[in-house]
Amino acid sequence: FSDADLAELFITASVTRGQAIAVSRTDDSKCGRCWRLLPEVAEDGDL
């Protein structure tokens, strides 16, 4: 399972591996169609 698979399963912006569970707010922007917050989205509302 990739990190992208886990993000889809958890319905989160991103997932990375570490020592224990930790959660923080993402700084990425929101896709205007699927509402995913991803690094590839330059500004909120872009696709």
All heavy atoms as atom14 arrays in JSON, in Angstrom:
{
  "sequence": "FSDADLAELFITASVTRGQAIAVSRTDDSKCGRCWRLLPEVAEDGDL",
  "atom14_mask": [
    [1, 1, 1, 1, 1, 1, 1, 1, 1, 1, 1, 0, 0, 0],
    [1, 1, 1, 1, 1, 1, 0, 0, 0, 0, 0, 0, 0, 0],
    [1, 1, 1, 1, 1, 1, 1, 1, 0, 0, 0, 0, 0, 0],
    [1, 1, 1, 1, 1, 0, 0, 0, 0, 0, 0, 0, 0, 0],
    [1, 1, 1, 1, 1, 1, 1, 1, 0, 0, 0, 0, 0, 0],
    [1, 1, 1, 1, 1, 1, 1, 1, 0, 0, 0, 0, 0, 0],
    [1, 1, 1, 1, 1, 0, 0, 0, 0, 0, 0, 0, 0, 0],
    [1, 1, 1, 1, 1, 1, 1, 1, 1, 0, 0, 0, 0, 0],
    [1, 1, 1, 1, 1, 1, 1, 1, 0, 0, 0, 0, 0, 0],
    [1, 1, 1, 1, 1, 1, 1, 1, 1, 1, 1, 0, 0, 0],
    [1, 1, 1, 1, 1, 1, 1, 1, 0, 0, 0, 0, 0, 0],
    [1, 1, 1, 1, 1, 1, 1, 0, 0, 0, 0, 0, 0, 0],
    [1, 1, 1, 1, 1, 0, 0, 0, 0, 0, 0, 0, 0, 0],
    [1, 1, 1, 1, 1, 1, 0, 0, 0, 0, 0, 0, 0, 0],
    [1, 1, 1, 1, 1, 1, 1, 0, 0, 0, 0, 0, 0, 0],
    [1, 1, 1, 1, 1, 1, 1, 0, 0, 0, 0, 0, 0, 0],
    [1, 1, 1, 1, 1, 1, 1, 1, 1, 1, 1, 0, 0, 0],
    [1, 1, 1, 1, 0, 0, 0, 0, 0, 0, 0, 0, 0, 0],
    [1, 1, 1, 1, 1, 1, 1, 1, 1, 0, 0, 0, 0, 0],
    [1, 1, 1, 1, 1, 0, 0, 0, 0, 0, 0, 0, 0, 0],
    [1, 1, 1, 1, 1, 1, 1, 1, 0, 0, 0, 0, 0, 0],
    [1, 1, 1, 1, 1, 0, 0, 0, 0, 0, 0, 0, 0, 0],
    [1, 1, 1, 1, 1, 1, 1, 0, 0, 0, 0, 0, 0, 0],
    [1, 1, 1, 1, 1, 1, 0, 0, 0, 0, 0, 0, 0, 0],
    [1, 1, 1, 1, 1, 1, 1, 1, 1, 1, 1, 0, 0, 0],
    [1, 1, 1, 1, 1, 1, 1, 0, 0, 0, 0, 0, 0, 0],
    [1, 1, 1, 1, 1, 1, 1, 1, 0, 0, 0, 0, 0, 0],
    [1, 1, 1, 1, 1, 1, 1, 1, 0, 0, 0, 0, 0, 0],
    [1, 1, 1, 1, 1, 1, 0, 0, 0, 0, 0, 0, 0, 0],
    [1, 1, 1, 1, 1, 1, 1, 1, 1, 0, 0, 0, 0, 0],
    [1, 1, 1, 1, 1, 1, 0, 0, 0, 0, 0, 0, 0, 0],
    [1, 1, 1, 1, 0, 0, 0, 0, 0, 0, 0, 0, 0, 0],
    [1, 1, 1, 1, 1, 1, 1, 1, 1, 1, 1, 0, 0, 0],
    [1, 1, 1, 1, 1, 1, 0, 0, 0, 0, 0, 0, 0, 0],
    [1, 1, 1, 1, 1, 1, 1, 1, 1, 1, 1, 1, 1, 1],
    [1, 1, 1, 1, 1, 1, 1, 1, 1, 1, 1, 0, 0, 0],
    [1, 1, 1, 1, 1, 1, 1, 1, 0, 0, 0, 0, 0, 0],
    [1, 1, 1, 1, 1, 1, 1, 1, 0, 0, 0, 0, 0, 0],
    [1, 1, 1, 1, 1, 1, 1, 0, 0, 0, 0, 0, 0, 0],
    [1, 1, 1, 1, 1, 1, 1, 1, 1, 0, 0, 0, 0, 0],
    [1, 1, 1, 1, 1, 1, 1, 0, 0, 0, 0, 0, 0, 0],
    [1, 1, 1, 1, 1, 0, 0, 0, 0, 0, 0, 0, 0, 0],
    [1, 1, 1, 1, 1, 1, 1, 1, 1, 0, 0, 0, 0, 0],
    [1, 1, 1, 1, 1, 1, 1, 1, 0, 0, 0, 0, 0, 0],
    [1, 1, 1, 1, 0, 0, 0, 0, 0, 0, 0, 0, 0, 0],
    [1, 1, 1, 1, 1, 1, 1, 1, 0, 0, 0, 0, 0, 0],
    [1, 1, 1, 1, 1, 1, 1, 1, 0, 0, 0, 0, 0, 0]
  ],
  "atom14_positions": [
    [[0.84, -1.19, 0.0], [0.0, 0.0, 0.0], [0.88, 1.25, 0.0], [1.77, 1.39, 0.84], [-0.93, 0.02, 1.21], [-1.98, -1.05, 1.17], [-1.79, -2.26, 1.83], [-3.15, -0.86, 0.46], [-2.75, -3.25, 1.78], [-4.12, -1.85, 0.4], [-3.92, -3.05, 1.06], [0.0, 0.0, 0.0], [0.0, 0.0, 0.0], [0.0, 0.0, 0.0]],
    [[0.62, 2.13, -0.96], [1.38, 3.37, -1.05], [0.78, 4.42, -0.11], [-0.33, 4.26, 0.41], [1.35, 3.91, -2.49], [0.03, 4.31, -2.84], [0.0, 0.0, 0.0], [0.0, 0.0, 0.0], [0.0, 0.0, 0.0], [0.0, 0.0, 0.0], [0.0, 0.0, 0.0], [0.0, 0.0, 0.0], [0.0, 0.0, 0.0], [0.0, 0.0, 0.0]],
    [[1.51, 5.53, 0.07], [0.98, 6.62, 0.88], [-0.28, 7.19, 0.25], [-1.22, 7.6, 0.95], [2.04, 7.73, 1.02], [3.21, 7.28, 1.91], [3.07, 6.25, 2.6], [4.25, 7.97, 1.9], [0.0, 0.0, 0.0], [0.0, 0.0, 0.0], [0.0, 0.0, 0.0], [0.0, 0.0, 0.0], [0.0, 0.0, 0.0], [0.0, 0.0, 0.0]],
    [[-0.34, 7.23, -1.09], [-1.53, 7.72, -1.78], [-2.73, 6.81, -1.52], [-3.87, 7.28, -1.35], [-1.27, 7.84, -3.28], [0.0, 0.0, 0.0], [0.0, 0.0, 0.0], [0.0, 0.0, 0.0], [0.0, 0.0, 0.0], [0.0, 0.0, 0.0], [0.0, 0.0, 0.0], [0.0, 0.0, 0.0], [0.0, 0.0, 0.0], [0.0, 0.0, 0.0]],
    [[-2.48, 5.49, -1.48], [-3.56, 4.54, -1.16], [-4.11, 4.83, 0.24], [-5.33, 4.8, 0.45], [-3.05, 3.1, -1.21], [-2.66, 2.66, -2.61], [-3.22, 3.21, -3.58], [-1.79, 1.77, -2.72], [0.0, 0.0, 0.0], [0.0, 0.0, 0.0], [0.0, 0.0, 0.0], [0.0, 0.0, 0.0], [0.0, 0.0, 0.0], [0.0, 0.0, 0.0]],
    [[-3.22, 5.08, 1.18], [-3.63, 5.33, 2.55], [-4.41, 6.64, 2.65], [-5.4, 6.72, 3.39], [-2.41, 5.36, 3.48], [-1.61, 4.06, 3.57], [-0.4, 4.26, 4.47], [-2.47, 2.91, 4.07], [0.0, 0.0, 0.0], [0.0, 0.0, 0.0], [0.0, 0.0, 0.0], [0.0, 0.0, 0.0], [0.0, 0.0, 0.0], [0.0, 0.0, 0.0]],
    [[-3.97, 7.66, 1.94], [-4.68, 8.94, 1.97], [-6.1, 8.79, 1.43], [-7.05, 9.4, 1.95], [-3.92, 9.98, 1.16], [0.0, 0.0, 0.0], [0.0, 0.0, 0.0], [0.0, 0.0, 0.0], [0.0, 0.0, 0.0], [0.0, 0.0, 0.0], [0.0, 0.0, 0.0], [0.0, 0.0, 0.0], [0.0, 0.0, 0.0], [0.0, 0.0, 0.0]],
    [[-6.26, 7.96, 0.39], [-7.61, 7.71, -0.14], [-8.44, 6.94, 0.88], [-9.62, 7.24, 1.09], [-7.51, 6.92, -1.44], [-8.88, 6.64, -2.06], [-8.79, 5.82, -3.34], [-7.68, 5.32, -3.66], [-9.82, 5.67, -4.01], [0.0, 0.0, 0.0], [0.0, 0.0, 0.0], [0.0, 0.0, 0.0], [0.0, 0.0, 0.0], [0.0, 0.0, 0.0]],
    [[-7.84, 5.96, 1.53], [-8.56, 5.15, 2.51], [-8.96, 5.97, 3.74], [-10.07, 5.84, 4.25], [-7.69, 3.97, 2.95], [-8.25, 3.06, 4.02], [-9.51, 2.36, 3.53], [-7.2, 2.04, 4.46], [0.0, 0.0, 0.0], [0.0, 0.0, 0.0], [0.0, 0.0, 0.0], [0.0, 0.0, 0.0], [0.0, 0.0, 0.0], [0.0, 0.0, 0.0]],
    [[-8.07, 6.84, 4.2], [-8.34, 7.64, 5.39], [-9.1, 8.93, 5.07], [-9.56, 9.62, 5.97], [-7.03, 8.02, 6.09], [-6.18, 6.84, 6.51], [-4.81, 6.98, 6.66], [-6.75, 5.6, 6.75], [-4.02, 5.9, 7.05], [-5.97, 4.51, 7.13], [-4.61, 4.67, 7.28], [0.0, 0.0, 0.0], [0.0, 0.0, 0.0], [0.0, 0.0, 0.0]],
    [[-9.22, 9.24, 3.78], [-9.87, 10.47, 3.29], [-9.16, 11.69, 3.9], [-9.76, 12.56, 4.51], [-11.38, 10.5, 3.59], [-12.02, 9.14, 3.27], [-12.09, 11.58, 2.78], [-13.5, 9.06, 3.57], [0.0, 0.0, 0.0], [0.0, 0.0, 0.0], [0.0, 0.0, 0.0], [0.0, 0.0, 0.0], [0.0, 0.0, 0.0], [0.0, 0.0, 0.0]],
    [[-7.84, 11.72, 3.75], [-7.03, 12.8, 4.27], [-6.25, 13.45, 3.13], [-6.2, 12.94, 2.01], [-6.04, 12.29, 5.33], [-5.22, 11.26, 4.75], [-6.79, 11.72, 6.52], [0.0, 0.0, 0.0], [0.0, 0.0, 0.0], [0.0, 0.0, 0.0], [0.0, 0.0, 0.0], [0.0, 0.0, 0.0], [0.0, 0.0, 0.0], [0.0, 0.0, 0.0]],
    [[-5.62, 14.59, 3.45], [-4.82, 15.28, 2.44], [-3.6, 14.45, 2.05], [-3.27, 14.31, 0.86], [-4.4, 16.66, 2.95], [0.0, 0.0, 0.0], [0.0, 0.0, 0.0], [0.0, 0.0, 0.0], [0.0, 0.0, 0.0], [0.0, 0.0, 0.0], [0.0, 0.0, 0.0], [0.0, 0.0, 0.0], [0.0, 0.0, 0.0], [0.0, 0.0, 0.0]],
    [[-2.9, 13.92, 3.05], [-1.71, 13.13, 2.77], [-1.46, 12.15, 3.91], [-1.99, 12.3, 5.01], [-0.48, 14.04, 2.61], [-0.14, 14.63, 3.85], [0.0, 0.0, 0.0], [0.0, 0.0, 0.0], [0.0, 0.0, 0.0], [0.0, 0.0, 0.0], [0.0, 0.0, 0.0], [0.0, 0.0, 0.0], [0.0, 0.0, 0.0], [0.0, 0.0, 0.0]],
    [[-0.63, 11.15, 3.63], [-0.18, 10.2, 4.65], [1.29, 9.94, 4.41], [1.73, 9.72, 3.28], [-0.96, 8.87, 4.58], [-0.38, 7.86, 5.56], [-2.43, 9.09, 4.9], [0.0, 0.0, 0.0], [0.0, 0.0, 0.0], [0.0, 0.0, 0.0], [0.0, 0.0, 0.0], [0.0, 0.0, 0.0], [0.0, 0.0, 0.0], [0.0, 0.0, 0.0]],
    [[2.07, 9.97, 5.47], [3.47, 9.59, 5.42], [3.75, 8.59, 6.54], [2.94, 8.44, 7.46], [4.4, 10.81, 5.57], [4.05, 11.53, 6.77], [4.25, 11.75, 4.38], [0.0, 0.0, 0.0], [0.0, 0.0, 0.0], [0.0, 0.0, 0.0], [0.0, 0.0, 0.0], [0.0, 0.0, 0.0], [0.0, 0.0, 0.0], [0.0, 0.0, 0.0]],
    [[4.88, 7.9, 6.46], [5.23, 6.89, 7.45], [6.16, 7.49, 8.5], [7.01, 8.32, 8.2], [5.93, 5.69, 6.8], [5.3, 5.2, 5.49], [3.95, 4.54, 5.64], [3.35, 4.29, 4.35], [3.37, 3.12, 3.72], [3.96, 2.07, 4.28], [2.8, 2.97, 2.54], [0.0, 0.0, 0.0], [0.0, 0.0, 0.0], [0.0, 0.0, 0.0]],
    [[6.01, 7.03, 9.73], [6.85, 7.48, 10.82], [6.84, 6.48, 11.94], [6.71, 5.26, 11.72], [0.0, 0.0, 0.0], [0.0, 0.0, 0.0], [0.0, 0.0, 0.0], [0.0, 0.0, 0.0], [0.0, 0.0, 0.0], [0.0, 0.0, 0.0], [0.0, 0.0, 0.0], [0.0, 0.0, 0.0], [0.0, 0.0, 0.0], [0.0, 0.0, 0.0]],
    [[6.95, 6.98, 13.18], [7.01, 6.11, 14.35], [5.64, 5.9, 15.0], [5.37, 4.86, 15.58], [7.98, 6.69, 15.39], [9.4, 6.8, 14.88], [9.99, 5.44, 14.51], [9.8, 4.45, 15.22], [10.69, 5.4, 13.39], [0.0, 0.0, 0.0], [0.0, 0.0, 0.0], [0.0, 0.0, 0.0], [0.0, 0.0, 0.0], [0.0, 0.0, 0.0]],
    [[4.77, 6.91, 14.91], [3.46, 6.84, 15.57], [2.5, 7.77, 14.85], [2.9, 8.59, 14.01], [3.58, 7.23, 17.04], [0.0, 0.0, 0.0], [0.0, 0.0, 0.0], [0.0, 0.0, 0.0], [0.0, 0.0, 0.0], [0.0, 0.0, 0.0], [0.0, 0.0, 0.0], [0.0, 0.0, 0.0], [0.0, 0.0, 0.0], [0.0, 0.0, 0.0]],
    [[1.22, 7.66, 15.18], [0.21, 8.5, 14.53], [0.34, 9.94, 14.99], [0.43, 10.22, 16.19], [-1.2, 7.97, 14.82], [-1.4, 6.59, 14.18], [-2.26, 8.94, 14.32], [-2.74, 5.97, 14.48], [0.0, 0.0, 0.0], [0.0, 0.0, 0.0], [0.0, 0.0, 0.0], [0.0, 0.0, 0.0], [0.0, 0.0, 0.0], [0.0, 0.0, 0.0]],
    [[0.34, 10.85, 14.02], [0.36, 12.29, 14.3], [-0.47, 12.98, 13.23], [-0.49, 12.56, 12.07], [1.78, 12.83, 14.31], [0.0, 0.0, 0.0], [0.0, 0.0, 0.0], [0.0, 0.0, 0.0], [0.0, 0.0, 0.0], [0.0, 0.0, 0.0], [0.0, 0.0, 0.0], [0.0, 0.0, 0.0], [0.0, 0.0, 0.0], [0.0, 0.0, 0.0]],
    [[-1.16, 14.05, 13.62], [-2.04, 14.76, 12.69], [-1.76, 16.25, 12.77], [-1.59, 16.81, 13.86], [-3.53, 14.5, 13.04], [-4.44, 15.23, 12.05], [-3.84, 13.02, 13.03], [0.0, 0.0, 0.0], [0.0, 0.0, 0.0], [0.0, 0.0, 0.0], [0.0, 0.0, 0.0], [0.0, 0.0, 0.0], [0.0, 0.0, 0.0], [0.0, 0.0, 0.0]],
    [[-1.72, 16.91, 11.6], [-1.57, 18.37, 11.53], [-2.4, 18.88, 10.36], [-2.84, 18.1, 9.5], [-0.1, 18.76, 11.36], [0.42, 18.2, 10.16], [0.0, 0.0, 0.0], [0.0, 0.0, 0.0], [0.0, 0.0, 0.0], [0.0, 0.0, 0.0], [0.0, 0.0, 0.0], [0.0, 0.0, 0.0], [0.0, 0.0, 0.0], [0.0, 0.0, 0.0]],
    [[-2.61, 20.18, 10.33], [-3.38, 20.77, 9.24], [-2.49, 20.98, 8.03], [-1.38, 21.47, 8.13], [-3.99, 22.11, 9.66], [-5.06, 22.6, 8.68], [-5.57, 23.99, 9.01], [-6.73, 24.32, 8.21], [-6.71, 24.62, 6.91], [-5.55, 24.61, 6.26], [-7.81, 24.9, 6.27], [0.0, 0.0, 0.0], [0.0, 0.0, 0.0], [0.0, 0.0, 0.0]],
    [[-2.98, 20.6, 6.87], [-2.2, 20.74, 5.65], [-2.14, 22.19, 5.18], [-3.05, 22.98, 5.45], [-2.78, 19.86, 4.52], [-1.92, 19.91, 3.39], [-4.17, 20.34, 4.12], [0.0, 0.0, 0.0], [0.0, 0.0, 0.0], [0.0, 0.0, 0.0], [0.0, 0.0, 0.0], [0.0, 0.0, 0.0], [0.0, 0.0, 0.0], [0.0, 0.0, 0.0]],
    [[-1.1, 22.52, 4.45], [-0.97, 23.85, 3.84], [-1.32, 23.83, 2.36], [-1.25, 24.87, 1.69], [0.47, 24.36, 4.01], [0.84, 24.61, 5.46], [-0.06, 25.03, 6.22], [2.0, 24.38, 5.83], [0.0, 0.0, 0.0], [0.0, 0.0, 0.0], [0.0, 0.0, 0.0], [0.0, 0.0, 0.0], [0.0, 0.0, 0.0], [0.0, 0.0, 0.0]],
    [[-1.71, 22.66, 1.84], [-2.0, 22.54, 0.41], [-3.34, 23.19, 0.07], [-4.19, 23.42, 0.94], [-2.02, 21.07, 0.0], [-0.65, 20.42, 0.13], [0.34, 21.14, -0.02], [-0.6, 19.2, 0.4], [0.0, 0.0, 0.0], [0.0, 0.0, 0.0], [0.0, 0.0, 0.0], [0.0, 0.0, 0.0], [0.0, 0.0, 0.0], [0.0, 0.0, 0.0]],
    [[-3.52, 23.47, -1.22], [-4.75, 24.11, -1.71], [-5.75, 23.06, -2.15], [-5.4, 21.9, -2.43], [-4.42, 25.06, -2.87], [-3.54, 26.09, -2.44], [0.0, 0.0, 0.0], [0.0, 0.0, 0.0], [0.0, 0.0, 0.0], [0.0, 0.0, 0.0], [0.0, 0.0, 0.0], [0.0, 0.0, 0.0], [0.0, 0.0, 0.0], [0.0, 0.0, 0.0]],
    [[-7.03, 23.48, -2.24], [-8.13, 22.55, -2.52], [-8.5, 22.56, -4.0], [-8.72, 23.61, -4.6], [-9.35, 22.94, -1.69], [-10.56, 22.03, -1.93], [-11.83, 22.59, -1.31], [-11.8, 22.5, 0.19], [-13.11, 22.88, 0.77], [0.0, 0.0, 0.0], [0.0, 0.0, 0.0], [0.0, 0.0, 0.0], [0.0, 0.0, 0.0], [0.0, 0.0, 0.0]],
    [[-8.61, 21.35, -4.56], [-9.12, 21.2, -5.92], [-10.59, 21.62, -5.96], [-11.37, 21.23, -5.08], [-8.97, 19.76, -6.38], [-9.77, 19.38, -7.96], [0.0, 0.0, 0.0], [0.0, 0.0, 0.0], [0.0, 0.0, 0.0], [0.0, 0.0, 0.0], [0.0, 0.0, 0.0], [0.0, 0.0, 0.0], [0.0, 0.0, 0.0], [0.0, 0.0, 0.0]],
    [[-10.95, 22.4, -6.94], [-12.32, 22.91, -7.01], [-13.34, 21.87, -7.43], [-14.54, 22.12, -7.36], [0.0, 0.0, 0.0], [0.0, 0.0, 0.0], [0.0, 0.0, 0.0], [0.0, 0.0, 0.0], [0.0, 0.0, 0.0], [0.0, 0.0, 0.0], [0.0, 0.0, 0.0], [0.0, 0.0, 0.0], [0.0, 0.0, 0.0], [0.0, 0.0, 0.0]],
    [[-12.9, 20.69, -7.86], [-13.84, 19.67, -8.32], [-13.96, 18.51, -7.33], [-15.06, 18.13, -6.94], [-13.41, 19.14, -9.68], [-14.36, 18.09, -10.29], [-13.99, 17.79, -11.72], [-14.86, 16.78, -12.29], [-14.62, 15.48, -12.26], [-13.51, 15.03, -11.67], [-15.46, 14.61, -12.82], [0.0, 0.0, 0.0], [0.0, 0.0, 0.0], [0.0, 0.0, 0.0]],
    [[-12.85, 17.93, -6.92], [-12.9, 16.77, -6.02], [-12.69, 17.14, -4.55], [-12.86, 16.31, -3.67], [-11.87, 15.73, -6.43], [-10.15, 16.21, -6.15], [0.0, 0.0, 0.0], [0.0, 0.0, 0.0], [0.0, 0.0, 0.0], [0.0, 0.0, 0.0], [0.0, 0.0, 0.0], [0.0, 0.0, 0.0], [0.0, 0.0, 0.0], [0.0, 0.0, 0.0]],
    [[-12.29, 18.41, -4.29], [-12.09, 18.94, -2.94], [-10.89, 18.33, -2.22], [-10.71, 18.56, -1.03], [-13.34, 18.78, -2.08], [-14.5, 19.59, -2.53], [-14.61, 20.34, -3.65], [-15.75, 19.76, -1.84], [-15.83, 20.96, -3.74], [-16.57, 20.61, -2.62], [-16.26, 19.27, -0.65], [-17.85, 20.98, -2.26], [-17.54, 19.63, -0.28], [-18.33, 20.48, -1.07]],
    [[-10.08, 17.56, -2.93], [-8.84, 17.08, -2.32], [-7.86, 18.23, -2.18], [-7.75, 19.08, -3.06], [-8.22, 15.97, -3.18], [-9.02, 14.69, -3.28], [-8.98, 13.87, -2.01], [-7.62, 13.56, -1.6], [-6.91, 12.53, -2.06], [-7.43, 11.71, -2.97], [-5.69, 12.3, -1.6], [0.0, 0.0, 0.0], [0.0, 0.0, 0.0], [0.0, 0.0, 0.0]],
    [[-7.13, 18.25, -1.08], [-6.08, 19.24, -0.87], [-4.76, 18.6, -1.23], [-4.3, 17.67, -0.54], [-6.07, 19.74, 0.58], [-7.2, 20.73, 0.94], [-8.49, 19.99, 1.27], [-6.79, 21.63, 2.09], [0.0, 0.0, 0.0], [0.0, 0.0, 0.0], [0.0, 0.0, 0.0], [0.0, 0.0, 0.0], [0.0, 0.0, 0.0], [0.0, 0.0, 0.0]],
    [[-4.13, 19.09, -2.3], [-2.97, 18.42, -2.88], [-1.88, 19.42, -3.23], [-2.16, 20.57, -3.59], [-3.38, 17.65, -4.14], [-4.46, 16.56, -3.95], [-5.02, 16.13, -5.29], [-3.86, 15.38, -3.2], [0.0, 0.0, 0.0], [0.0, 0.0, 0.0], [0.0, 0.0, 0.0], [0.0, 0.0, 0.0], [0.0, 0.0, 0.0], [0.0, 0.0, 0.0]],
    [[-0.61, 19.0, -3.17], [0.49, 19.9, -3.52], [0.43, 20.41, -4.95], [0.9, 21.51, -5.24], [1.74, 19.02, -3.3], [1.31, 17.94, -2.38], [-0.13, 17.69, -2.7], [0.0, 0.0, 0.0], [0.0, 0.0, 0.0], [0.0, 0.0, 0.0], [0.0, 0.0, 0.0], [0.0, 0.0, 0.0], [0.0, 0.0, 0.0], [0.0, 0.0, 0.0]],
    [[-0.16, 19.61, -5.85], [-0.2, 19.99, -7.26], [-1.23, 21.08, -7.56], [-1.23, 21.64, -8.67], [-0.52, 18.76, -8.11], [-1.92, 18.19, -7.85], [-2.07, 16.77, -8.36], [-1.46, 15.85, -7.77], [-2.81, 16.59, -9.34], [0.0, 0.0, 0.0], [0.0, 0.0, 0.0], [0.0, 0.0, 0.0], [0.0, 0.0, 0.0], [0.0, 0.0, 0.0]],
    [[-2.11, 21.4, -6.6], [-3.11, 22.45, -6.8], [-2.5, 23.78, -6.36], [-2.19, 23.97, -5.17], [-4.4, 22.15, -6.0], [-5.43, 23.25, -6.23], [-4.97, 20.79, -6.42], [0.0, 0.0, 0.0], [0.0, 0.0, 0.0], [0.0, 0.0, 0.0], [0.0, 0.0, 0.0], [0.0, 0.0, 0.0], [0.0, 0.0, 0.0], [0.0, 0.0, 0.0]],
    [[-2.33, 24.7, -7.32], [-1.65, 25.96, -7.02], [-2.47, 26.85, -6.09], [-1.95, 27.41, -5.12], [-1.33, 26.7, -8.31], [0.0, 0.0, 0.0], [0.0, 0.0, 0.0], [0.0, 0.0, 0.0], [0.0, 0.0, 0.0], [0.0, 0.0, 0.0], [0.0, 0.0, 0.0], [0.0, 0.0, 0.0], [0.0, 0.0, 0.0], [0.0, 0.0, 0.0]],
    [[-3.76, 27.01, -6.39], [-4.64, 27.86, -5.59], [-5.97, 27.17, -5.39], [-6.39, 26.34, -6.22], [-4.86, 29.22, -6.28], [-3.61, 30.07, -6.44], [-3.91, 31.39, -7.12], [-5.1, 31.62, -7.45], [-2.98, 32.19, -7.33], [0.0, 0.0, 0.0], [0.0, 0.0, 0.0], [0.0, 0.0, 0.0], [0.0, 0.0, 0.0], [0.0, 0.0, 0.0]],
    [[-6.66, 27.52, -4.3], [-7.99, 26.96, -4.08], [-8.88, 27.22, -5.29], [-8.97, 28.35, -5.78], [-8.63, 27.59, -2.83], [-8.04, 27.07, -1.54], [-7.32, 26.06, -1.59], [-8.3, 27.68, -0.48], [0.0, 0.0, 0.0], [0.0, 0.0, 0.0], [0.0, 0.0, 0.0], [0.0, 0.0, 0.0], [0.0, 0.0, 0.0], [0.0, 0.0, 0.0]],
    [[-9.55, 26.15, -5.75], [-10.43, 26.3, -6.9], [-9.83, 25.78, -8.18], [-10.56, 25.45, -9.13], [0.0, 0.0, 0.0], [0.0, 0.0, 0.0], [0.0, 0.0, 0.0], [0.0, 0.0, 0.0], [0.0, 0.0, 0.0], [0.0, 0.0, 0.0], [0.0, 0.0, 0.0], [0.0, 0.0, 0.0], [0.0, 0.0, 0.0], [0.0, 0.0, 0.0]],
    [[-8.49, 25.71, -8.26], [-7.86, 25.1, -9.43], [-8.13, 23.59, -9.41], [-8.54, 23.03, -8.4], [-6.35, 25.35, -9.43], [-6.01, 26.81, -9.67], [-6.91, 27.57, -10.07], [-4.84, 27.18, -9.45], [0.0, 0.0, 0.0], [0.0, 0.0, 0.0], [0.0, 0.0, 0.0], [0.0, 0.0, 0.0], [0.0, 0.0, 0.0], [0.0, 0.0, 0.0]],
    [[-7.87, 22.94, -10.54], [-8.11, 21.51, -10.64], [-6.82, 20.73, -10.45], [-5.75, 21.15, -10.88], [-8.73, 21.16, -11.99], [-10.09, 21.76, -12.32], [-10.61, 21.21, -13.65], [-11.1, 21.51, -11.22], [0.0, 0.0, 0.0], [0.0, 0.0, 0.0], [0.0, 0.0, 0.0], [0.0, 0.0, 0.0], [0.0, 0.0, 0.0], [0.0, 0.0, 0.0]]
  ]
}
